[in-house]
Amino acid sequence: MYHIMVYITAGSMDEARTIGRELVSGRFAACANIHPMSSIYWWNDELVEDDEVVLIVKTTGDKFEELKEKVSSLHSYDLPCIISWKITGEKNYLQWISDETGKL
């Protein structure tokens, strides 16, 4: 088993909290951190500067596909940013992630 962090952007704090709450309460993730941010990106051939909210979610690799589907079902964006990367860390913390996402 490996652990991942998932980076998700949302259009508002309310949307980010809804997504984070659903992911954690549904055991798709052990934790979701939520932070306001400013973004600059291309969309429909326009350079956009906008306020967004980022979620940093901790989970296990085997949960990613389900998590991605859940986020997509809740998200307001046509093309939500949902990316992940493998992590290493303090073994007891990683075990906590495994334990919390393994409960039903």
Protein backbone atom coordinates (compact mmCIF):
# COMPACT_ATOMS: atom_id res chain seq x y z
CA MET A 1 0.00 0.00 0.00
CA TYR A 2 1.18 3.51 -0.73
CA HIS A 3 -0.09 6.90 0.38
CA ILE A 4 -0.92 9.95 -1.72
CA MET A 5 -1.75 13.60 -1.43
CA VAL A 6 -4.47 14.86 -3.73
CA TYR A 7 -4.58 18.48 -4.88
CA ILE A 8 -8.04 19.78 -5.78
CA THR A 9 -9.13 23.32 -6.64
CA ALA A 10 -12.63 24.65 -6.01
CA GLY A 11 -14.47 27.84 -6.89
CA SER A 12 -15.44 28.84 -3.35
CA MET A 13 -14.82 28.10 0.30
CA ASP A 14 -18.32 26.61 0.59
CA GLU A 15 -17.69 24.24 -2.31
CA ALA A 16 -14.30 23.23 -0.91
CA ARG A 17 -15.80 22.55 2.52
CA THR A 18 -18.58 20.47 0.98
CA ILE A 19 -16.08 18.40 -1.01
CA GLY A 20 -13.71 18.04 1.95
CA ARG A 21 -16.49 17.04 4.33
CA GLU A 22 -17.82 14.42 1.89
CA LEU A 23 -14.37 12.96 1.28
CA VAL A 24 -13.51 12.65 4.97
CA SER A 25 -16.93 11.55 6.23
CA GLY A 26 -17.14 8.95 3.44
CA ARG A 27 -13.65 7.62 4.34
CA PHE A 28 -12.28 8.47 0.90
CA ALA A 29 -9.64 10.48 2.78
CA ALA A 30 -8.33 10.80 6.32
CA CYS A 31 -7.91 14.57 6.18
CA ALA A 32 -8.60 17.56 3.95
CA ASN A 33 -6.80 20.88 4.40
CA ILE A 34 -8.49 23.90 2.82
CA HIS A 35 -6.69 27.11 1.80
CA PRO A 36 -7.73 30.22 -0.17
CA MET A 37 -5.43 31.10 -3.09
CA SER A 38 -5.09 33.17 -6.25
CA SER A 39 -4.83 31.40 -9.60
CA ILE A 40 -3.68 32.44 -13.07
CA TYR A 41 -4.61 30.05 -15.88
CA TRP A 42 -5.80 29.71 -19.46
CA TRP A 43 -9.48 28.93 -20.02
CA ASN A 44 -11.28 29.11 -23.39
CA ASP A 45 -8.36 31.02 -24.90
CA GLU A 46 -8.50 33.68 -22.18
CA LEU A 47 -5.92 34.37 -19.53
CA VAL A 48 -7.85 34.26 -16.26
CA GLU A 49 -6.87 35.57 -12.82
CA ASP A 50 -9.25 34.36 -10.17
CA ASP A 51 -9.63 33.52 -6.50
CA GLU A 52 -9.99 29.82 -5.83
CA VAL A 53 -9.73 27.48 -2.87
CA VAL A 54 -7.37 24.51 -2.75
CA LEU A 55 -7.93 21.24 -0.93
CA ILE A 56 -4.93 19.11 0.02
CA VAL A 57 -6.25 15.66 0.81
CA LYS A 58 -4.40 12.73 2.40
CA THR A 59 -5.42 9.20 1.47
CA THR A 60 -4.15 5.88 0.12
CA GLY A 61 -3.44 5.10 -3.50
CA ASP A 62 -6.18 2.51 -3.72
CA LYS A 63 -8.79 5.17 -2.88
CA PHE A 64 -7.86 7.58 -5.70
CA GLU A 65 -10.29 6.42 -8.39
CA GLU A 66 -13.27 6.45 -6.01
CA LEU A 67 -12.18 9.80 -4.59
CA LYS A 68 -11.86 11.26 -8.09
CA GLU A 69 -15.36 10.09 -9.01
CA LYS A 70 -16.79 11.54 -5.79
CA VAL A 71 -15.12 14.92 -6.33
CA SER A 72 -16.31 15.04 -9.95
CA SER A 73 -19.89 14.35 -8.84
CA LEU A 74 -19.81 17.27 -6.38
CA HIS A 75 -17.74 19.79 -8.34
CA SER A 76 -19.05 22.85 -10.16
CA TYR A 77 -16.19 23.02 -12.70
CA ASP A 78 -16.42 21.46 -16.16
CA LEU A 79 -12.82 20.28 -15.75
CA PRO A 80 -11.88 20.08 -12.08
CA CYS A 81 -8.22 19.91 -11.09
CA ILE A 82 -7.79 16.57 -9.31
CA ILE A 83 -4.14 15.47 -9.26
CA SER A 84 -2.16 13.27 -6.90
CA TRP A 85 1.35 12.29 -5.99
CA LYS A 86 2.86 9.57 -3.82
CA ILE A 87 4.09 10.59 -0.40
CA THR A 88 6.36 9.23 2.30
CA GLY A 89 6.43 10.38 5.87
CA GLU A 90 6.34 9.55 9.55
CA LYS A 91 5.21 5.92 9.75
CA ASN A 92 2.62 6.43 12.50
CA TYR A 93 1.00 9.28 10.56
CA LEU A 94 0.87 7.18 7.40
CA GLN A 95 -0.63 4.33 9.42
CA TRP A 96 -3.28 6.75 10.71
CA ILE A 97 -4.18 7.61 7.10
CA SER A 98 -4.50 3.89 6.31
CA ASP A 99 -6.54 3.22 9.42
CA GLU A 100 -8.99 6.08 8.87
CA THR A 101 -9.58 5.36 5.19
CA GLY A 102 -9.97 1.62 5.86
CA LYS A 103 -12.95 1.98 8.18
CA LEU A 104 -16.49 1.65 6.87
